[in-house]
C-alpha atoms as a PDB file:
ATOM      1  CA  MET A   1      25.728   0.232  -2.514  1.00  0.00           C
ATOM      2  CA  SER A   2      27.731   3.431  -2.619  1.00  0.00           C
ATOM      3  CA  ARG A   3      25.910   6.708  -2.082  1.00  0.00           C
ATOM      4  CA  ALA A   4      27.434   7.883  -5.350  1.00  0.00           C
ATOM      5  CA  ALA A   5      25.067   6.869  -8.132  1.00  0.00           C
ATOM      6  CA  ALA A   6      26.324   4.536 -10.829  1.00  0.00           C
ATOM      7  CA  ASP A   7      25.456   5.275 -14.441  1.00  0.00           C
ATOM      8  CA  ASP A   8      24.012   1.798 -14.900  1.00  0.00           C
ATOM      9  CA  THR A   9      21.816   1.842 -11.753  1.00  0.00           C
ATOM     10  CA  ALA A  10      18.268   3.069 -11.161  1.00  0.00           C
ATOM     11  CA  VAL A  11      15.528   2.789  -8.556  1.00  0.00           C
ATOM     12  CA  LEU A  12      12.338   0.901  -9.355  1.00  0.00           C
ATOM     13  CA  LEU A  13       9.207   1.751  -7.389  1.00  0.00           C
ATOM     14  CA  MET A  14       6.771  -1.167  -7.505  1.00  0.00           C
ATOM     15  CA  GLY A  15       3.037  -0.578  -7.099  1.00  0.00           C
ATOM     16  CA  TYR A  16      -0.012  -2.820  -7.260  1.00  0.00           C
ATOM     17  CA  GLY A  17      -1.533  -1.123 -10.305  1.00  0.00           C
ATOM     18  CA  SER A  18      -5.039  -0.066 -11.290  1.00  0.00           C
ATOM     19  CA  PRO A  19      -7.180   0.335 -14.411  1.00  0.00           C
ATOM     20  CA  ASP A  20      -7.041   3.718 -16.117  1.00  0.00           C
ATOM     21  CA  GLY A  21     -10.741   3.565 -16.953  1.00  0.00           C
ATOM     22  CA  ALA A  22     -13.761   1.327 -17.438  1.00  0.00           C
ATOM     23  CA  GLY A  23     -12.417   0.091 -20.758  1.00  0.00           C
ATOM     24  CA  ASP A  24      -9.339  -1.350 -19.042  1.00  0.00           C
ATOM     25  CA  LEU A  25     -11.294  -3.275 -16.403  1.00  0.00           C
ATOM     26  CA  PRO A  26     -11.838  -6.618 -18.235  1.00  0.00           C
ATOM     27  CA  ALA A  27      -8.125  -7.015 -18.999  1.00  0.00           C
ATOM     28  CA  TYR A  28      -7.105  -5.714 -15.574  1.00  0.00           C
ATOM     29  CA  LEU A  29      -9.430  -8.086 -13.703  1.00  0.00           C
ATOM     30  CA  THR A  30      -8.328 -11.003 -15.882  1.00  0.00           C
ATOM     31  CA  GLU A  31      -4.760 -10.364 -14.806  1.00  0.00           C
ATOM     32  CA  VAL A  32      -5.717 -10.008 -11.128  1.00  0.00           C
ATOM     33  CA  LEU A  33      -7.655 -13.300 -11.412  1.00  0.00           C
ATOM     34  CA  HIS A  34      -4.567 -15.090 -12.781  1.00  0.00           C
ATOM     35  CA  GLY A  35      -5.869 -15.373 -16.329  1.00  0.00           C
ATOM     36  CA  LYS A  36      -9.502 -16.157 -15.548  1.00  0.00           C
ATOM     37  CA  ALA A  37     -11.842 -13.837 -17.421  1.00  0.00           C
ATOM     38  CA  PRO A  38     -14.240 -11.931 -15.135  1.00  0.00           C
ATOM     39  CA  SER A  39     -17.976 -12.298 -15.603  1.00  0.00           C
ATOM     40  CA  PRO A  40     -19.929  -9.362 -17.067  1.00  0.00           C
ATOM     41  CA  THR A  41     -21.526  -8.985 -13.633  1.00  0.00           C
ATOM     42  CA  MET A  42     -18.130  -8.600 -11.973  1.00  0.00           C
ATOM     43  CA  VAL A  43     -16.978  -6.062 -14.550  1.00  0.00           C
ATOM     44  CA  ALA A  44     -20.177  -4.045 -14.100  1.00  0.00           C
ATOM     45  CA  GLU A  45     -19.756  -4.077 -10.324  1.00  0.00           C
ATOM     46  CA  TYR A  46     -16.211  -2.769 -10.547  1.00  0.00           C
ATOM     47  CA  VAL A  47     -17.269  -0.114 -13.032  1.00  0.00           C
ATOM     48  CA  ARG A  48     -19.846   0.997 -10.458  1.00  0.00           C
ATOM     49  CA  ARG A  49     -17.263   1.103  -7.679  1.00  0.00           C
ATOM     50  CA  TYR A  50     -14.751   3.129  -9.655  1.00  0.00           C
ATOM     51  CA  GLU A  51     -17.481   5.539 -10.742  1.00  0.00           C
ATOM     52  CA  LEU A  52     -18.469   6.042  -7.096  1.00  0.00           C
ATOM     53  CA  ILE A  53     -14.935   7.065  -6.127  1.00  0.00           C
ATOM     54  CA  GLY A  54     -14.368   9.152  -9.248  1.00  0.00           C
ATOM     55  CA  GLY A  55     -11.828   6.774 -10.796  1.00  0.00           C
ATOM     56  CA  SER A  56      -8.527   5.536  -9.426  1.00  0.00           C
ATOM     57  CA  PRO A  57      -6.062   8.219  -8.270  1.00  0.00           C
ATOM     58  CA  GLN A  58      -3.239   5.667  -8.216  1.00  0.00           C
ATOM     59  CA  ARG A  59      -1.427   6.691 -11.401  1.00  0.00           C
ATOM     60  CA  ARG A  60      -1.326  10.349 -10.320  1.00  0.00           C
ATOM     61  CA  ILE A  61      -0.104   9.512  -6.802  1.00  0.00           C
ATOM     62  CA  LEU A  62       2.577   7.088  -7.988  1.00  0.00           C
ATOM     63  CA  GLY A  63       3.763   9.588 -10.584  1.00  0.00           C
ATOM     64  CA  SER A  64       4.127  12.240  -7.896  1.00  0.00           C
ATOM     65  CA  LEU A  65       5.965   9.833  -5.588  1.00  0.00           C
ATOM     66  CA  ARG A  66       8.343   8.894  -8.388  1.00  0.00           C
ATOM     67  CA  GLU A  67       9.170  12.542  -9.124  1.00  0.00           C
ATOM     68  CA  LYS A  68       9.589  13.486  -5.466  1.00  0.00           C
ATOM     69  CA  LEU A  69      11.829  10.505  -4.725  1.00  0.00           C
ATOM     70  CA  GLU A  70      14.020  11.241  -7.740  1.00  0.00           C
ATOM     71  CA  ARG A  71      14.459  14.845  -6.549  1.00  0.00           C
ATOM     72  CA  ARG A  72      15.141  13.669  -2.987  1.00  0.00           C
ATOM     73  CA  LEU A  73      17.797  11.192  -4.134  1.00  0.00           C
ATOM     74  CA  ALA A  74      19.493  13.938  -6.143  1.00  0.00           C
ATOM     75  CA  ASP A  75      19.553  16.302  -3.160  1.00  0.00           C
ATOM     76  CA  GLY A  76      23.235  16.707  -2.295  1.00  0.00           C
ATOM     77  CA  GLY A  77      24.433  14.020  -4.673  1.00  0.00           C
ATOM     78  CA  PRO A  78      24.243  12.604  -8.191  1.00  0.00           C
ATOM     79  CA  GLY A  79      21.116  10.625  -7.365  1.00  0.00           C
ATOM     80  CA  TYR A  80      19.429   7.835  -9.301  1.00  0.00           C
ATOM     81  CA  PRO A  81      16.766   7.854 -11.978  1.00  0.00           C
ATOM     82  CA  VAL A  82      13.502   6.453 -10.588  1.00  0.00           C
ATOM     83  CA  LEU A  83      11.342   4.103 -12.641  1.00  0.00           C
ATOM     84  CA  LEU A  84       7.825   2.904 -11.923  1.00  0.00           C
ATOM     85  CA  GLY A  85       6.397  -0.572 -12.516  1.00  0.00           C
ATOM     86  CA  VAL A  86       3.210  -2.274 -11.323  1.00  0.00           C
ATOM     87  CA  LYS A  87       2.072  -5.848 -10.728  1.00  0.00           C
ATOM     88  CA  HIS A  88      -1.196  -5.391 -12.606  1.00  0.00           C
ATOM     89  CA  GLY A  89      -1.914  -2.968 -15.432  1.00  0.00           C
ATOM     90  CA  LYS A  90       0.578  -0.514 -16.901  1.00  0.00           C
ATOM     91  CA  PRO A  91       3.479   0.116 -16.759  1.00  0.00           C
ATOM     92  CA  ALA A  92       3.931  -3.603 -16.038  1.00  0.00           C
ATOM     93  CA  LEU A  93       7.050  -4.856 -14.275  1.00  0.00           C
ATOM     94  CA  ARG A  94       7.495  -7.462 -17.006  1.00  0.00           C
ATOM     95  CA  ASP A  95       7.822  -4.615 -19.537  1.00  0.00           C
ATOM     96  CA  VAL A  96       9.653  -1.974 -17.478  1.00  0.00           C
ATOM     97  CA  ILE A  97      12.590  -4.207 -16.516  1.00  0.00           C
ATOM     98  CA  PRO A  98      13.600  -5.315 -20.041  1.00  0.00           C
ATOM     99  CA  ALA A  99      13.094  -1.734 -21.248  1.00  0.00           C
ATOM    100  CA  ALA A 100      15.527  -0.596 -18.537  1.00  0.00           C
ATOM    101  CA  ALA A 101      18.045  -3.192 -19.720  1.00  0.00           C
ATOM    102  CA  ARG A 102      17.709  -1.970 -23.319  1.00  0.00           C
ATOM    103  CA  ASP A 103      18.453   1.546 -22.037  1.00  0.00           C
ATOM    104  CA  GLY A 104      21.760   0.338 -20.618  1.00  0.00           C
ATOM    105  CA  LEU A 105      20.781  -0.138 -16.978  1.00  0.00           C
ATOM    106  CA  ARG A 106      22.293  -3.174 -15.274  1.00  0.00           C
ATOM    107  CA  HIS A 107      21.131  -2.764 -11.675  1.00  0.00           C
ATOM    108  CA  LEU A 108      17.741  -1.848 -10.248  1.00  0.00           C
ATOM    109  CA  LEU A 109      17.078  -1.126  -6.577  1.00  0.00           C
ATOM    110  CA  ALA A 110      13.431  -2.140  -6.315  1.00  0.00           C
ATOM    111  CA  VAL A 111      11.194  -0.992  -3.457  1.00  0.00           C
ATOM    112  CA  PRO A 112       7.554  -2.118  -3.207  1.00  0.00           C
ATOM    113  CA  LEU A 113       4.992   0.516  -2.271  1.00  0.00           C
ATOM    114  CA  SER A 114       3.891  -1.646   0.623  1.00  0.00           C
ATOM    115  CA  PRO A 115       6.071  -1.726   3.731  1.00  0.00           C
ATOM    116  CA  TYR A 116       4.994  -5.236   4.737  1.00  0.00           C
ATOM    117  CA  ALA A 117       7.273  -8.198   3.954  1.00  0.00           C
ATOM    118  CA  SER A 118       4.404 -10.655   3.952  1.00  0.00           C
ATOM    119  CA  THR A 119       4.525 -13.647   1.618  1.00  0.00           C
ATOM    120  CA  TRP A 120       1.070 -12.696   0.383  1.00  0.00           C
ATOM    121  CA  ILE A 121       2.276  -9.207  -0.527  1.00  0.00           C
ATOM    122  CA  SER A 122       5.891  -9.784  -1.568  1.00  0.00           C
ATOM    123  CA  GLU A 123       5.620 -12.921  -3.720  1.00  0.00           C
ATOM    124  CA  PRO A 124       3.651 -11.253  -6.552  1.00  0.00           C
ATOM    125  CA  TYR A 125       6.232  -8.461  -6.694  1.00  0.00           C
ATOM    126  CA  GLN A 126       9.076 -10.956  -6.786  1.00  0.00           C
ATOM    127  CA  ASP A 127       7.283 -12.994  -9.450  1.00  0.00           C
ATOM    128  CA  GLY A 128       6.845  -9.855 -11.573  1.00  0.00           C
ATOM    129  CA  VAL A 129      10.517  -8.996 -11.141  1.00  0.00           C
ATOM    130  CA  ALA A 130      11.578 -12.529 -12.092  1.00  0.00           C
ATOM    131  CA  GLU A 131       9.395 -12.381 -15.205  1.00  0.00           C
ATOM    132  CA  GLY A 132      10.935  -9.045 -16.166  1.00  0.00           C
ATOM    133  CA  VAL A 133      14.493 -10.293 -15.640  1.00  0.00           C
ATOM    134  CA  ARG A 134      13.782 -13.330 -17.815  1.00  0.00           C
ATOM    135  CA  ALA A 135      12.351 -11.073 -20.518  1.00  0.00           C
ATOM    136  CA  ALA A 136      15.559  -9.023 -20.320  1.00  0.00           C
ATOM    137  CA  GLY A 137      17.633 -12.134 -20.997  1.00  0.00           C
ATOM    138  CA  GLY A 138      19.301 -11.939 -17.599  1.00  0.00           C
ATOM    139  CA  GLU A 139      21.120  -8.736 -18.574  1.00  0.00           C
ATOM    140  CA  ILE A 140      19.933  -6.840 -15.497  1.00  0.00           C
ATOM    141  CA  GLU A 141      19.993  -7.510 -11.750  1.00  0.00           C
ATOM    142  CA  VAL A 142      17.141  -6.434  -9.491  1.00  0.00           C
ATOM    143  CA  ASP A 143      17.716  -6.013  -5.758  1.00  0.00           C
ATOM    144  CA  VAL A 144      14.252  -6.181  -4.154  1.00  0.00           C
ATOM    145  CA  ARG A 145      14.265  -4.264  -0.864  1.00  0.00           C
ATOM    146  CA  LEU A 146      11.343  -5.427   1.246  1.00  0.00           C
ATOM    147  CA  ASP A 147      10.249  -4.659   4.780  1.00  0.00           C
ATOM    148  CA  TRP A 148      10.033  -1.033   5.883  1.00  0.00           C
ATOM    149  CA  HIS A 149       7.059  -1.364   8.235  1.00  0.00           C
ATOM    150  CA  LEU A 150       8.988   0.043  11.217  1.00  0.00           C
ATOM    151  CA  ASP A 151      10.772   2.802   9.314  1.00  0.00           C
ATOM    152  CA  PRO A 152      10.719   5.914  11.540  1.00  0.00           C
ATOM    153  CA  SER A 153       9.274   8.077   8.776  1.00  0.00           C
ATOM    154  CA  TRP A 154       6.479   5.563   8.059  1.00  0.00           C
ATOM    155  CA  ILE A 155       5.529   5.398  11.729  1.00  0.00           C
ATOM    156  CA  GLY A 156       6.053   9.156  11.950  1.00  0.00           C
ATOM    157  CA  TYR A 157       3.493   9.868   9.261  1.00  0.00           C
ATOM    158  CA  TRP A 158       0.787   7.984  11.159  1.00  0.00           C
ATOM    159  CA  ARG A 159       1.763   9.626  14.434  1.00  0.00           C
ATOM    160  CA  ARG A 160       1.442  13.085  12.886  1.00  0.00           C
ATOM    161  CA  ALA A 161      -1.732  12.376  10.932  1.00  0.00           C
ATOM    162  CA  ILE A 162      -3.558  10.679  13.813  1.00  0.00           C
ATOM    163  CA  ARG A 163      -2.559  13.337  16.337  1.00  0.00           C
ATOM    164  CA  SER A 164      -3.665  16.071  13.935  1.00  0.00           C
ATOM    165  CA  GLU A 165      -7.115  14.500  13.552  1.00  0.00           C
ATOM    166  CA  LEU A 166      -7.483  13.984  17.305  1.00  0.00           C
ATOM    167  CA  GLU A 167      -6.513  17.592  18.011  1.00  0.00           C
ATOM    168  CA  ARG A 168      -9.221  18.796  15.623  1.00  0.00           C
ATOM    169  CA  ASP A 169     -11.792  16.306  16.902  1.00  0.00           C
ATOM    170  CA  PRO A 170     -10.844  15.064  20.387  1.00  0.00           C
ATOM    171  CA  GLY A 171     -12.510  12.192  22.136  1.00  0.00           C
ATOM    172  CA  ARG A 172     -12.384   9.692  19.293  1.00  0.00           C
ATOM    173  CA  ALA A 173     -10.984   6.181  19.677  1.00  0.00           C
ATOM    174  CA  VAL A 174      -8.697   4.933  16.924  1.00  0.00           C
ATOM    175  CA  LEU A 175      -9.192   1.874  14.718  1.00  0.00           C
ATOM    176  CA  LEU A 176      -5.991   0.843  12.948  1.00  0.00           C
ATOM    177  CA  SER A 177      -7.004  -1.207   9.908  1.00  0.00           C
ATOM    178  CA  ALA A 178      -5.272  -3.335   7.283  1.00  0.00           C
ATOM    179  CA  HIS A 179      -6.362  -5.617   4.450  1.00  0.00           C
ATOM    180  CA  SER A 180      -7.449  -9.067   5.572  1.00  0.00           C
ATOM    181  CA  LEU A 181      -6.220 -12.237   3.911  1.00  0.00           C
ATOM    182  CA  PRO A 182      -7.439 -15.852   3.860  1.00  0.00           C
ATOM    183  CA  GLU A 183      -6.712 -17.764   7.044  1.00  0.00           C
ATOM    184  CA  ARG A 184      -4.957 -20.432   4.992  1.00  0.00           C
ATOM    185  CA  MET A 185      -2.110 -17.958   4.408  1.00  0.00           C
ATOM    186  CA  ARG A 186      -1.422 -17.787   8.141  1.00  0.00           C
ATOM    187  CA  GLU A 187      -1.633 -21.563   8.322  1.00  0.00           C
ATOM    188  CA  ARG A 188       1.092 -21.679   5.676  1.00  0.00           C
ATOM    189  CA  GLY A 189       3.319 -19.533   7.887  1.00  0.00           C
ATOM    190  CA  ASP A 190       2.808 -16.079   6.399  1.00  0.00           C
ATOM    191  CA  PRO A 191       4.057 -13.578   9.038  1.00  0.00           C
ATOM    192  CA  TYR A 192       1.532 -10.924   7.924  1.00  0.00           C
ATOM    193  CA  PRO A 193      -0.595 -10.911  11.124  1.00  0.00           C
ATOM    194  CA  GLU A 194       2.486 -10.606  13.334  1.00  0.00           C
ATOM    195  CA  ILE A 195       3.947  -7.828  11.148  1.00  0.00           C
ATOM    196  CA  LEU A 196       0.686  -5.886  11.358  1.00  0.00           C
ATOM    197  CA  ALA A 197       0.474  -6.358  15.127  1.00  0.00           C
ATOM    198  CA  GLU A 198       4.026  -5.051  15.507  1.00  0.00           C
ATOM    199  CA  THR A 199       3.326  -2.053  13.260  1.00  0.00           C
ATOM    200  CA  SER A 200       0.008  -1.127  14.868  1.00  0.00           C
ATOM    201  CA  SER A 201       1.592  -1.268  18.322  1.00  0.00           C
ATOM    202  CA  ALA A 202       4.443   0.973  17.140  1.00  0.00           C
ATOM    203  CA  ILE A 203       1.968   3.502  15.713  1.00  0.00           C
ATOM    204  CA  ALA A 204      -0.130   3.480  18.885  1.00  0.00           C
ATOM    205  CA  ARG A 205       2.964   4.094  21.046  1.00  0.00           C
ATOM    206  CA  ALA A 206       4.246   6.863  18.796  1.00  0.00           C
ATOM    207  CA  ALA A 207       0.855   8.606  18.713  1.00  0.00           C
ATOM    208  CA  GLY A 208       0.324   8.171  22.454  1.00  0.00           C
ATOM    209  CA  LEU A 209      -2.983   6.354  21.971  1.00  0.00           C
ATOM    210  CA  ASP A 210      -4.840   5.064  25.014  1.00  0.00           C
ATOM    211  CA  ARG A 211      -7.984   3.939  23.186  1.00  0.00           C
ATOM    212  CA  TRP A 212      -7.268   1.976  20.042  1.00  0.00           C
ATOM    213  CA  SER A 213      -7.721  -1.403  18.425  1.00  0.00           C
ATOM    214  CA  PHE A 214      -6.353  -3.289  15.439  1.00  0.00           C
ATOM    215  CA  THR A 215      -8.858  -4.499  12.822  1.00  0.00           C
ATOM    216  CA  PHE A 216      -8.966  -6.099   9.398  1.00  0.00           C
ATOM    217  CA  GLN A 217     -10.865  -4.767   6.403  1.00  0.00           C
ATOM    218  CA  SER A 218     -11.599  -5.643   2.759  1.00  0.00           C
ATOM    219  CA  ALA A 219     -12.013  -9.399   3.223  1.00  0.00           C
ATOM    220  CA  GLY A 220     -12.678 -11.150  -0.073  1.00  0.00           C
ATOM    221  CA  ASN A 221     -16.146 -12.314  -1.050  1.00  0.00           C
ATOM    222  CA  THR A 222     -15.319 -16.031  -0.885  1.00  0.00           C
ATOM    223  CA  THR A 223     -16.568 -19.026   1.060  1.00  0.00           C
ATOM    224  CA  GLU A 224     -13.243 -19.600   2.817  1.00  0.00           C
ATOM    225  CA  PRO A 225     -12.568 -17.906   6.179  1.00  0.00           C
ATOM    226  CA  TRP A 226     -10.591 -14.652   6.276  1.00  0.00           C
ATOM    227  CA  LEU A 227      -8.628 -13.145   9.136  1.00  0.00           C
ATOM    228  CA  GLY A 228     -10.559 -11.040  11.640  1.00  0.00           C
ATOM    229  CA  PRO A 229     -11.814  -9.193  13.515  1.00  0.00           C
ATOM    230  CA  ASP A 230     -13.458  -7.207  10.752  1.00  0.00           C
ATOM    231  CA  ILE A 231     -13.649  -3.455  11.217  1.00  0.00           C
ATOM    232  CA  THR A 232     -17.468  -3.495  11.242  1.00  0.00           C
ATOM    233  CA  GLU A 233     -17.517  -6.083  14.047  1.00  0.00           C
ATOM    234  CA  VAL A 234     -15.204  -3.955  16.166  1.00  0.00           C
ATOM    235  CA  MET A 235     -17.293  -0.838  15.508  1.00  0.00           C
ATOM    236  CA  LEU A 236     -20.398  -2.607  16.792  1.00  0.00           C
ATOM    237  CA  GLU A 237     -18.539  -3.974  19.809  1.00  0.00           C
ATOM    238  CA  TRP A 238     -17.255  -0.504  20.658  1.00  0.00           C
ATOM    239  CA  LYS A 239     -20.733   0.950  20.341  1.00  0.00           C
ATOM    240  CA  THR A 240     -22.037  -1.495  22.967  1.00  0.00           C
ATOM    241  CA  ARG A 241     -19.389  -0.028  25.291  1.00  0.00           C
ATOM    242  CA  GLY A 242     -20.479   3.525  24.532  1.00  0.00           C
ATOM    243  CA  VAL A 243     -17.776   4.315  21.970  1.00  0.00           C
ATOM    244  CA  ALA A 244     -19.529   5.374  18.759  1.00  0.00           C
ATOM    245  CA  ARG A 245     -16.997   7.876  17.335  1.00  0.00           C
ATOM    246  CA  PRO A 246     -14.163   5.870  15.747  1.00  0.00           C
ATOM    247  CA  LEU A 247     -11.265   7.418  13.876  1.00  0.00           C
ATOM    248  CA  VAL A 248     -10.079   4.953  11.222  1.00  0.00           C
ATOM    249  CA  ALA A 249      -6.405   4.883  10.211  1.00  0.00           C
ATOM    250  CA  SER A 250      -5.914   2.471   7.312  1.00  0.00           C
ATOM    251  CA  PHE A 251      -2.220   1.877   7.948  1.00  0.00           C
ATOM    252  CA  GLY A 252      -2.171  -1.293   5.849  1.00  0.00           C
ATOM    253  CA  PHE A 253      -1.895   0.842   2.708  1.00  0.00           C
ATOM    254  CA  VAL A 254       0.324   3.686   1.527  1.00  0.00           C
ATOM    255  CA  PHE A 255      -2.076   5.586  -0.722  1.00  0.00           C
ATOM    256  CA  ASP A 256      -5.699   6.078  -1.710  1.00  0.00           C
ATOM    257  CA  HIS A 257      -7.215   3.357  -3.884  1.00  0.00           C
ATOM    258  CA  LEU A 258     -10.326   1.181  -4.089  1.00  0.00           C
ATOM    259  CA  GLU A 259      -9.824  -0.568  -0.739  1.00  0.00           C
ATOM    260  CA  VAL A 260      -9.755   2.810   0.995  1.00  0.00           C
ATOM    261  CA  LEU A 261     -12.015   5.039  -1.076  1.00  0.00           C
ATOM    262  CA  TYR A 262     -14.696   2.393  -1.675  1.00  0.00           C
ATOM    263  CA  ASP A 263     -14.327  -0.342   0.964  1.00  0.00           C
ATOM    264  CA  LEU A 264     -13.966   2.186   3.782  1.00  0.00           C
ATOM    265  CA  ASP A 265     -15.401   5.516   2.653  1.00  0.00           C
ATOM    266  CA  VAL A 266     -18.436   4.008   0.908  1.00  0.00           C
ATOM    267  CA  VAL A 267     -19.183   0.575   2.390  1.00  0.00           C
ATOM    268  CA  VAL A 268     -17.933   0.984   5.966  1.00  0.00           C
ATOM    269  CA  ARG A 269     -19.218   4.553   6.165  1.00  0.00           C
ATOM    270  CA  ALA A 270     -22.709   3.382   5.096  1.00  0.00           C
ATOM    271  CA  PHE A 271     -22.565   0.590   7.678  1.00  0.00           C
ATOM    272  CA  ALA A 272     -21.545   3.059  10.366  1.00  0.00           C
ATOM    273  CA  GLU A 273     -24.306   5.529   9.522  1.00  0.00           C
ATOM    274  CA  ALA A 274     -26.911   2.746   9.507  1.00  0.00           C
ATOM    275  CA  ASN A 275     -25.807   1.762  13.011  1.00  0.00           C
ATOM    276  CA  GLY A 276     -25.553   5.221  14.563  1.00  0.00           C
ATOM    277  CA  ILE A 277     -21.759   5.309  14.426  1.00  0.00           C
ATOM    278  CA  ASP A 278     -19.902   8.529  13.538  1.00  0.00           C
ATOM    279  CA  TYR A 279     -17.264   7.400  10.994  1.00  0.00           C
ATOM    280  CA  ARG A 280     -14.163   9.481  10.319  1.00  0.00           C
ATOM    281  CA  ARG A 281     -10.928   8.500   8.565  1.00  0.00           C
ATOM    282  CA  VAL A 282      -7.320   9.717   8.748  1.00  0.00           C
ATOM    283  CA  PRO A 283      -5.984  10.896   5.347  1.00  0.00           C
ATOM    284  CA  MET A 284      -3.715   8.413   3.598  1.00  0.00           C
ATOM    285  CA  PRO A 285       0.017   9.173   3.239  1.00  0.00           C
ATOM    286  CA  ASN A 286      -0.069   9.227  -0.590  1.00  0.00           C
ATOM    287  CA  ASP A 287       2.980  11.311  -1.616  1.00  0.00           C
ATOM    288  CA  ALA A 288       3.668  12.886   1.800  1.00  0.00           C
ATOM    289  CA  GLU A 289       7.255  13.814   2.586  1.00  0.00           C
ATOM    290  CA  GLU A 290       7.481  11.103   5.245  1.00  0.00           C
ATOM    291  CA  ILE A 291       6.822   8.472   2.587  1.00  0.00           C
ATOM    292  CA  VAL A 292       9.405   9.953   0.265  1.00  0.00           C
ATOM    293  CA  GLU A 293      11.919   9.831   3.129  1.00  0.00           C
ATOM    294  CA  ALA A 294      10.998   6.235   3.992  1.00  0.00           C
ATOM    295  CA  LEU A 295      11.594   5.220   0.375  1.00  0.00           C
ATOM    296  CA  ARG A 296      14.860   7.172   0.256  1.00  0.00           C
ATOM    297  CA  ALA A 297      16.041   5.357   3.363  1.00  0.00           C
ATOM    298  CA  ARG A 298      15.170   1.996   1.819  1.00  0.00           C
ATOM    299  CA  VAL A 299      17.301   2.868  -1.199  1.00  0.00           C
ATOM    300  CA  LEU A 300      20.292   4.501   0.503  1.00  0.00           C
ATOM    301  CA  GLY A 301      20.054   3.583   4.159  1.00  0.00           C
ATOM    302  CA  PRO A 302      19.407   6.048   7.015  1.00  0.00           C
ATOM    303  CA  PRO A 303      20.887   9.558   6.710  1.00  0.00           C
ATOM    304  CA  ALA A 304      24.254  10.216   8.294  1.00  0.00           C
ATOM    305  CA  THR A 305      24.147  11.874  11.701  1.00  0.00           C
ATOM    306  CA  GLY A 306      26.458  14.647  12.701  1.00  0.00           C
END
């Protein structure tokens, strides 16, 4: 793709999506559950969770990322318009893509707001894109650009953020956490665990960490086994070795949402306090400049060097 923008080309940022409020939760959860309506108990529980975190900040963060990336792409060149579509909720990929085709766009450079090219993560995005292309009657092409987990700016954000926290509060050991998934996904050949191991090692090297561990978080409440070790298990193990001041860096995600603000800052924090562990978390990247640069690089390739 030429660095000169084409009139019929745009960038599509792809997010997971979130409900805008309690009234959206039944429809949102039905979609997440692949068409199965949630029970009233489940809806009430999610209402409680979102109330505890003050509602989802996802729409605001994604809107800011979209605007910043569009400005960054236009810096020194004609740039591209940047669209936003989500897997669940609004604006849905299945609606955004045909709307783009009706507006005269014929090519979309689509980047998921997860750097991990795991089957578990990437397939739903690709399914949403395929649904949108079908709805557009095949009049638009979408180039899905996965896999930016080792992008220098992505790793650089975590290096900066972790080092900043350790300078303010030295002596902490670092827990690098990411969302768990059912073990059956690994058995099917999903490279997710290996991708996370590679990324966590790269972050630890960049940040110069000598005391750190990789953990999983946010395992589903199901009877099937999920990947571990869970973050709470590692916290307890560390405490037995005299390490009771962990610094959590949730590198499995790009921005604040329920799995960070509730699963970590409410549930894991309460667990830590109940067990005499001093919990602290590294701020999420959200719309930081490093993330904007990582997305820019995924669209255009790395910047030219002089």
